[in-house]
């Protein structure tokens, strides 16, 4: 083979190898970016989905705990001061949970549900105060909290908690699907990098022999 032809062949091989190396570097950069996005999605699933879901479970437990306390008062005739103190403690805990929940990353629909939850919880808390203020008149107190408006307010509050929990699950599933898409993308980039390395190896082997 003439020297000029050999030089042209080497030049083409060099350009090919450089081009393939550039593709590999680009794919590595894309892989690093995808890994960063995948880490962000994983952190979001924990911080903005699992933790708030646990908060909702705690809130639900506290709402039912208050209801049980009031029902127990009817049976056991607990001292009003003790009942009021225990309810106040639970309300403070619930308020702290709602504040922490509000600081997580929420979708617009979740924000609306949280506002609805706050309003319904406030309505129910006011009915509890009215119940406590009329403990001397038990029939009237029972009418306030366990019949009519009280029963409706409690059912609405429980329903809102259930809806917010279901919404958290749906958004979490969407994030999980996004993470799965990022994982598949990484598999493709990894396969591309391996293929390009093999092509470079074949080219160098072919040129040598």
C-alpha atoms as a PDB file:
ATOM      1  CA  UNK A   1       0.000   0.000   0.000  1.00  0.00           C
ATOM      2  CA  UNK A   2       1.291   3.460  -0.894  1.00  0.00           C
ATOM      3  CA  UNK A   3       2.386   5.744   1.974  1.00  0.00           C
ATOM      4  CA  UNK A   4      -0.279   8.311   1.030  1.00  0.00           C
ATOM      5  CA  UNK A   5      -2.990   5.656   1.164  1.00  0.00           C
ATOM      6  CA  UNK A   6      -1.675   4.428   4.503  1.00  0.00           C
ATOM      7  CA  UNK A   7      -1.731   7.968   5.859  1.00  0.00           C
ATOM      8  CA  UNK A   8      -5.284   8.495   4.646  1.00  0.00           C
ATOM      9  CA  UNK A   9      -6.324   5.208   6.223  1.00  0.00           C
ATOM     10  CA  UNK A  10      -4.724   6.172   9.534  1.00  0.00           C
ATOM     11  CA  UNK A  11      -6.354   9.592   9.372  1.00  0.00           C
ATOM     12  CA  UNK A  12      -9.795   8.071   8.800  1.00  0.00           C
ATOM     13  CA  UNK A  13      -9.237   5.621  11.644  1.00  0.00           C
ATOM     14  CA  UNK A  14      -8.088   8.418  13.944  1.00  0.00           C
ATOM     15  CA  UNK A  15     -11.136  10.532  13.084  1.00  0.00           C
ATOM     16  CA  UNK A  16     -13.395   7.530  13.633  1.00  0.00           C
ATOM     17  CA  UNK A  17     -11.840   6.723  17.004  1.00  0.00           C
ATOM     18  CA  UNK A  18     -12.015  10.369  18.104  1.00  0.00           C
ATOM     19  CA  UNK A  19     -15.664  10.563  17.037  1.00  0.00           C
ATOM     20  CA  UNK A  20     -16.497   7.399  18.942  1.00  0.00           C
ATOM     21  CA  UNK A  21     -14.656   8.691  22.001  1.00  0.00           C
ATOM     22  CA  UNK A  22     -16.666  11.915  21.797  1.00  0.00           C
ATOM     23  CA  UNK A  23     -19.872   9.876  21.695  1.00  0.00           C
ATOM     24  CA  UNK A  24     -18.693   7.915  24.730  1.00  0.00           C
ATOM     25  CA  UNK A  25     -17.927  11.113  26.648  1.00  0.00           C
ATOM     26  CA  UNK A  26     -21.339  12.538  25.778  1.00  0.00           C
ATOM     27  CA  UNK A  27     -23.068   9.344  26.892  1.00  0.00           C
ATOM     28  CA  UNK A  28     -21.087   9.411  30.165  1.00  0.00           C
ATOM     29  CA  UNK A  29     -22.220  12.987  30.755  1.00  0.00           C
ATOM     30  CA  UNK A  30     -25.828  11.995  30.067  1.00  0.00           C
ATOM     31  CA  UNK A  31     -25.469   9.013  32.392  1.00  0.00           C
ATOM     32  CA  UNK A  32     -24.183  11.209  35.209  1.00  0.00           C
ATOM     33  CA  UNK A  33     -27.078  13.624  34.731  1.00  0.00           C
ATOM     34  CA  UNK A  34     -29.566  10.755  34.743  1.00  0.00           C
ATOM     35  CA  UNK A  35     -28.050   9.353  37.941  1.00  0.00           C
ATOM     36  CA  UNK A  36     -28.396  12.787  39.549  1.00  0.00           C
ATOM     37  CA  UNK A  37     -32.053  12.993  38.459  1.00  0.00           C
ATOM     38  CA  UNK A  38     -32.680   9.439  39.703  1.00  0.00           C
ATOM     39  CA  UNK A  39     -31.220  10.318  43.110  1.00  0.00           C
ATOM     40  CA  UNK A  40     -33.443  13.393  43.245  1.00  0.00           C
ATOM     41  CA  UNK A  41     -36.515  11.331  42.379  1.00  0.00           C
ATOM     42  CA  UNK A  42     -35.635   8.712  45.008  1.00  0.00           C
ATOM     43  CA  UNK A  43     -35.149  11.406  47.662  1.00  0.00           C
ATOM     44  CA  UNK A  44     -38.461  12.987  46.659  1.00  0.00           C
ATOM     45  CA  UNK A  45     -40.281   9.665  47.005  1.00  0.00           C
ATOM     46  CA  UNK A  46     -39.020   9.397  50.583  1.00  0.00           C
ATOM     47  CA  UNK A  47     -39.180  13.032  51.716  1.00  0.00           C
ATOM     48  CA  UNK A  48     -42.292  14.177  49.872  1.00  0.00           C
ATOM     49  CA  UNK A  49     -44.322  10.949  49.678  1.00  0.00           C
ATOM     50  CA  UNK A  50     -43.432   8.374  52.345  1.00  0.00           C
ATOM     51  CA  UNK A  51     -42.910  10.867  55.173  1.00  0.00           C
ATOM     52  CA  UNK A  52     -46.150  12.809  54.441  1.00  0.00           C
ATOM     53  CA  UNK A  53     -48.039   9.520  54.171  1.00  0.00           C
ATOM     54  CA  UNK A  54     -46.823   8.638  57.652  1.00  0.00           C
ATOM     55  CA  UNK A  55     -47.972  12.087  58.816  1.00  0.00           C
ATOM     56  CA  UNK A  56     -51.446  11.482  57.403  1.00  0.00           C
ATOM     57  CA  UNK A  57     -51.581   8.137  59.205  1.00  0.00           C
ATOM     58  CA  UNK A  58     -50.653   9.894  62.451  1.00  0.00           C
ATOM     59  CA  UNK A  59     -53.276  12.579  61.867  1.00  0.00           C
ATOM     60  CA  UNK A  60     -55.916   9.957  61.207  1.00  0.00           C
ATOM     61  CA  UNK A  61     -54.958   8.126  64.396  1.00  0.00           C
ATOM     62  CA  UNK A  62     -55.152  11.368  66.378  1.00  0.00           C
ATOM     63  CA  UNK A  63     -58.609  12.238  65.016  1.00  0.00           C
ATOM     64  CA  UNK A  64     -59.939   8.821  66.010  1.00  0.00           C
ATOM     65  CA  UNK A  65     -58.127   9.027  69.345  1.00  0.00           C
ATOM     66  CA  UNK A  66     -59.991  12.240  70.119  1.00  0.00           C
ATOM     67  CA  UNK A  67     -63.263  10.614  69.153  1.00  0.00           C
ATOM     68  CA  UNK A  68     -62.555   7.663  71.429  1.00  0.00           C
ATOM     69  CA  UNK A  69     -61.699   9.988  74.289  1.00  0.00           C
ATOM     70  CA  UNK A  70     -65.032  11.748  73.927  1.00  0.00           C
ATOM     71  CA  UNK A  71     -66.924   8.470  73.743  1.00  0.00           C
ATOM     72  CA  UNK A  72     -65.009   7.177  76.769  1.00  0.00           C
ATOM     73  CA  UNK A  73     -65.985  10.320  78.647  1.00  0.00           C
ATOM     74  CA  UNK A  74     -69.619   9.486  78.078  1.00  0.00           C
ATOM     75  CA  UNK A  75     -69.125   6.026  79.543  1.00  0.00           C
ATOM     76  CA  UNK A  76     -66.633   6.692  82.338  1.00  0.00           C
ATOM     77  CA  UNK A  77     -67.494  10.295  83.267  1.00  0.00           C
ATOM     78  CA  UNK A  78     -63.891  11.545  83.056  1.00  0.00           C
ATOM     79  CA  UNK A  79     -63.211  14.901  84.660  1.00  0.00           C
ATOM     80  CA  UNK A  80     -63.861  17.715  82.137  1.00  0.00           C
ATOM     81  CA  UNK A  81     -60.525  19.402  82.929  1.00  0.00           C
ATOM     82  CA  UNK A  82     -58.613  16.201  82.233  1.00  0.00           C
ATOM     83  CA  UNK A  83     -60.539  15.603  79.009  1.00  0.00           C
ATOM     84  CA  UNK A  84     -59.918  19.153  77.816  1.00  0.00           C
ATOM     85  CA  UNK A  85     -56.200  18.878  78.619  1.00  0.00           C
ATOM     86  CA  UNK A  86     -55.807  15.639  76.677  1.00  0.00           C
ATOM     87  CA  UNK A  87     -57.720  17.001  73.687  1.00  0.00           C
ATOM     88  CA  UNK A  88     -55.597  20.144  73.708  1.00  0.00           C
ATOM     89  CA  UNK A  89     -52.415  18.074  73.655  1.00  0.00           C
ATOM     90  CA  UNK A  90     -53.621  16.034  70.690  1.00  0.00           C
ATOM     91  CA  UNK A  91     -54.697  19.209  68.849  1.00  0.00           C
ATOM     92  CA  UNK A  92     -51.226  20.686  69.321  1.00  0.00           C
ATOM     93  CA  UNK A  93     -49.629  17.556  67.896  1.00  0.00           C
ATOM     94  CA  UNK A  94     -52.020  17.599  64.947  1.00  0.00           C
ATOM     95  CA  UNK A  95     -51.222  21.240  64.254  1.00  0.00           C
ATOM     96  CA  UNK A  96     -47.479  20.467  64.264  1.00  0.00           C
ATOM     97  CA  UNK A  97     -48.021  17.615  61.812  1.00  0.00           C
ATOM     98  CA  UNK A  98     -50.052  19.833  59.485  1.00  0.00           C
ATOM     99  CA  UNK A  99     -47.320  22.479  59.570  1.00  0.00           C
ATOM    100  CA  UNK A 100     -44.664  19.875  58.750  1.00  0.00           C
ATOM    101  CA  UNK A 101     -46.854  18.414  56.006  1.00  0.00           C
ATOM    102  CA  UNK A 102     -47.315  21.864  54.460  1.00  0.00           C
ATOM    103  CA  UNK A 103     -43.530  22.253  54.208  1.00  0.00           C
ATOM    104  CA  UNK A 104     -43.153  19.210  51.956  1.00  0.00           C
ATOM    105  CA  UNK A 105     -43.324  19.419  48.169  1.00  0.00           C
ATOM    106  CA  UNK A 106     -47.040  19.412  47.323  1.00  0.00           C
ATOM    107  CA  UNK A 107     -48.891  19.289  44.042  1.00  0.00           C
ATOM    108  CA  UNK A 108     -51.661  21.891  43.480  1.00  0.00           C
ATOM    109  CA  UNK A 109     -54.284  19.226  44.165  1.00  0.00           C
ATOM    110  CA  UNK A 110     -52.557  18.236  47.398  1.00  0.00           C
ATOM    111  CA  UNK A 111     -52.432  21.891  48.447  1.00  0.00           C
ATOM    112  CA  UNK A 112     -56.194  22.179  47.912  1.00  0.00           C
ATOM    113  CA  UNK A 113     -56.821  18.979  49.881  1.00  0.00           C
ATOM    114  CA  UNK A 114     -54.632  20.259  52.722  1.00  0.00           C
ATOM    115  CA  UNK A 115     -56.613  23.508  52.890  1.00  0.00           C
ATOM    116  CA  UNK A 116     -59.844  21.514  52.969  1.00  0.00           C
ATOM    117  CA  UNK A 117     -58.436  19.332  55.737  1.00  0.00           C
ATOM    118  CA  UNK A 118     -57.472  22.360  57.831  1.00  0.00           C
ATOM    119  CA  UNK A 119     -60.950  23.855  57.466  1.00  0.00           C
ATOM    120  CA  UNK A 120     -62.757  20.646  58.366  1.00  0.00           C
ATOM    121  CA  UNK A 121     -60.455  19.989  61.293  1.00  0.00           C
ATOM    122  CA  UNK A 122     -61.086  23.531  62.573  1.00  0.00           C
ATOM    123  CA  UNK A 123     -64.854  22.978  62.310  1.00  0.00           C
ATOM    124  CA  UNK A 124     -64.617  19.710  64.217  1.00  0.00           C
ATOM    125  CA  UNK A 125     -62.404  21.268  66.905  1.00  0.00           C
ATOM    126  CA  UNK A 126     -64.977  24.013  67.425  1.00  0.00           C
ATOM    127  CA  UNK A 127     -67.670  21.379  67.881  1.00  0.00           C
ATOM    128  CA  UNK A 128     -65.476  19.682  70.489  1.00  0.00           C
ATOM    129  CA  UNK A 129     -65.174  22.971  72.375  1.00  0.00           C
ATOM    130  CA  UNK A 130     -68.936  23.402  72.230  1.00  0.00           C
ATOM    131  CA  UNK A 131     -69.331  19.847  73.529  1.00  0.00           C
ATOM    132  CA  UNK A 132     -67.008  20.524  76.473  1.00  0.00           C
ATOM    133  CA  UNK A 133     -68.724  23.820  77.287  1.00  0.00           C
ATOM    134  CA  UNK A 134     -72.079  22.048  77.629  1.00  0.00           C
ATOM    135  CA  UNK A 135     -70.971  19.030  79.633  1.00  0.00           C
ATOM    136  CA  UNK A 136     -73.397  19.922  82.383  1.00  0.00           C
ATOM    137  CA  UNK A 137     -76.218  19.305  79.925  1.00  0.00           C
ATOM    138  CA  UNK A 138     -75.272  15.875  78.623  1.00  0.00           C
ATOM    139  CA  UNK A 139     -78.168  15.434  76.246  1.00  0.00           C
ATOM    140  CA  UNK A 140     -77.365  18.765  74.590  1.00  0.00           C
ATOM    141  CA  UNK A 141     -73.654  17.968  74.510  1.00  0.00           C
ATOM    142  CA  UNK A 142     -74.269  14.609  72.849  1.00  0.00           C
ATOM    143  CA  UNK A 143     -76.508  16.287  70.308  1.00  0.00           C
ATOM    144  CA  UNK A 144     -73.672  18.674  69.382  1.00  0.00           C
ATOM    145  CA  UNK A 145     -70.935  16.124  68.740  1.00  0.00           C
ATOM    146  CA  UNK A 146     -72.446  12.707  68.136  1.00  0.00           C
ATOM    147  CA  UNK A 147     -75.570  13.587  66.174  1.00  0.00           C
ATOM    148  CA  UNK A 148     -76.232  15.861  63.206  1.00  0.00           C
ATOM    149  CA  UNK A 149     -73.517  18.454  62.597  1.00  0.00           C
ATOM    150  CA  UNK A 150     -70.977  16.692  64.820  1.00  0.00           C
ATOM    151  CA  UNK A 151     -71.348  13.333  63.079  1.00  0.00           C
ATOM    152  CA  UNK A 152     -71.260  15.024  59.664  1.00  0.00           C
ATOM    153  CA  UNK A 153     -68.125  17.009  60.535  1.00  0.00           C
ATOM    154  CA  UNK A 154     -66.346  13.884  61.769  1.00  0.00           C
ATOM    155  CA  UNK A 155     -67.262  11.884  58.664  1.00  0.00           C
ATOM    156  CA  UNK A 156     -66.114  14.717  56.380  1.00  0.00           C
ATOM    157  CA  UNK A 157     -62.832  14.973  58.266  1.00  0.00           C
ATOM    158  CA  UNK A 158     -62.216  11.231  57.998  1.00  0.00           C
ATOM    159  CA  UNK A 159     -63.108  11.321  54.291  1.00  0.00           C
ATOM    160  CA  UNK A 160     -60.667  14.184  53.622  1.00  0.00           C
ATOM    161  CA  UNK A 161     -57.862  12.297  55.362  1.00  0.00           C
ATOM    162  CA  UNK A 162     -58.617   9.214  53.260  1.00  0.00           C
ATOM    163  CA  UNK A 163     -58.651  11.274  50.036  1.00  0.00           C
ATOM    164  CA  UNK A 164     -55.362  12.959  50.898  1.00  0.00           C
ATOM    165  CA  UNK A 165     -53.779   9.587  51.631  1.00  0.00           C
ATOM    166  CA  UNK A 166     -55.002   8.186  48.297  1.00  0.00           C
ATOM    167  CA  UNK A 167     -53.677  11.264  46.507  1.00  0.00           C
ATOM    168  CA  UNK A 168     -50.268  10.759  48.091  1.00  0.00           C
ATOM    169  CA  UNK A 169     -50.265   7.201  46.788  1.00  0.00           C
ATOM    170  CA  UNK A 170     -51.132   8.264  43.227  1.00  0.00           C
ATOM    171  CA  UNK A 171     -48.427  10.934  43.100  1.00  0.00           C
ATOM    172  CA  UNK A 172     -45.928   8.480  44.583  1.00  0.00           C
ATOM    173  CA  UNK A 173     -46.737   5.980  41.839  1.00  0.00           C
ATOM    174  CA  UNK A 174     -46.114   8.688  39.229  1.00  0.00           C
ATOM    175  CA  UNK A 175     -42.702   9.433  40.743  1.00  0.00           C
ATOM    176  CA  UNK A 176     -41.912   5.735  40.796  1.00  0.00           C
ATOM    177  CA  UNK A 177     -42.772   5.440  37.104  1.00  0.00           C
ATOM    178  CA  UNK A 178     -40.485   8.399  36.360  1.00  0.00           C
ATOM    179  CA  UNK A 179     -37.673   6.673  38.265  1.00  0.00           C
ATOM    180  CA  UNK A 180     -38.251   3.486  36.272  1.00  0.00           C
ATOM    181  CA  UNK A 181     -37.999   5.507  33.043  1.00  0.00           C
ATOM    182  CA  UNK A 182     -34.703   7.029  34.201  1.00  0.00           C
ATOM    183  CA  UNK A 183     -33.391   3.552  35.048  1.00  0.00           C
ATOM    184  CA  UNK A 184     -34.247   2.235  31.585  1.00  0.00           C
ATOM    185  CA  UNK A 185     -32.555   5.281  30.053  1.00  0.00           C
ATOM    186  CA  UNK A 186     -29.394   4.481  32.008  1.00  0.00           C
ATOM    187  CA  UNK A 187     -29.488   0.886  30.740  1.00  0.00           C
ATOM    188  CA  UNK A 188     -29.630   2.172  27.154  1.00  0.00           C
ATOM    189  CA  UNK A 189     -26.721   4.569  27.688  1.00  0.00           C
ATOM    190  CA  UNK A 190     -24.637   1.845  29.320  1.00  0.00           C
ATOM    191  CA  UNK A 191     -25.299  -0.521  26.414  1.00  0.00           C
ATOM    192  CA  UNK A 192     -24.346   2.266  23.982  1.00  0.00           C
ATOM    193  CA  UNK A 193     -21.071   2.901  25.793  1.00  0.00           C
ATOM    194  CA  UNK A 194     -20.191  -0.797  25.737  1.00  0.00           C
ATOM    195  CA  UNK A 195     -21.050  -0.990  22.030  1.00  0.00           C
ATOM    196  CA  UNK A 196     -18.879   2.018  21.186  1.00  0.00           C
ATOM    197  CA  UNK A 197     -15.931   0.581  23.118  1.00  0.00           C
ATOM    198  CA  UNK A 198     -16.305  -2.685  21.189  1.00  0.00           C
ATOM    199  CA  UNK A 199     -16.413  -0.790  17.894  1.00  0.00           C
ATOM    200  CA  UNK A 200     -13.209   1.067  18.785  1.00  0.00           C
ATOM    201  CA  UNK A 201     -11.540  -2.225  19.702  1.00  0.00           C
ATOM    202  CA  UNK A 202     -12.598  -3.852  16.429  1.00  0.00           C
ATOM    203  CA  UNK A 203     -11.385  -0.851  14.412  1.00  0.00           C
ATOM    204  CA  UNK A 204      -7.990  -0.862  16.086  1.00  0.00           C
ATOM    205  CA  UNK A 205      -7.674  -4.644  15.667  1.00  0.00           C
ATOM    206  CA  UNK A 206      -8.670  -4.429  12.002  1.00  0.00           C
ATOM    207  CA  UNK A 207      -6.195  -1.641  11.295  1.00  0.00           C
ATOM    208  CA  UNK A 208      -3.384  -3.515  12.989  1.00  0.00           C
ATOM    209  CA  UNK A 209      -3.858  -6.685  11.013  1.00  0.00           C
END
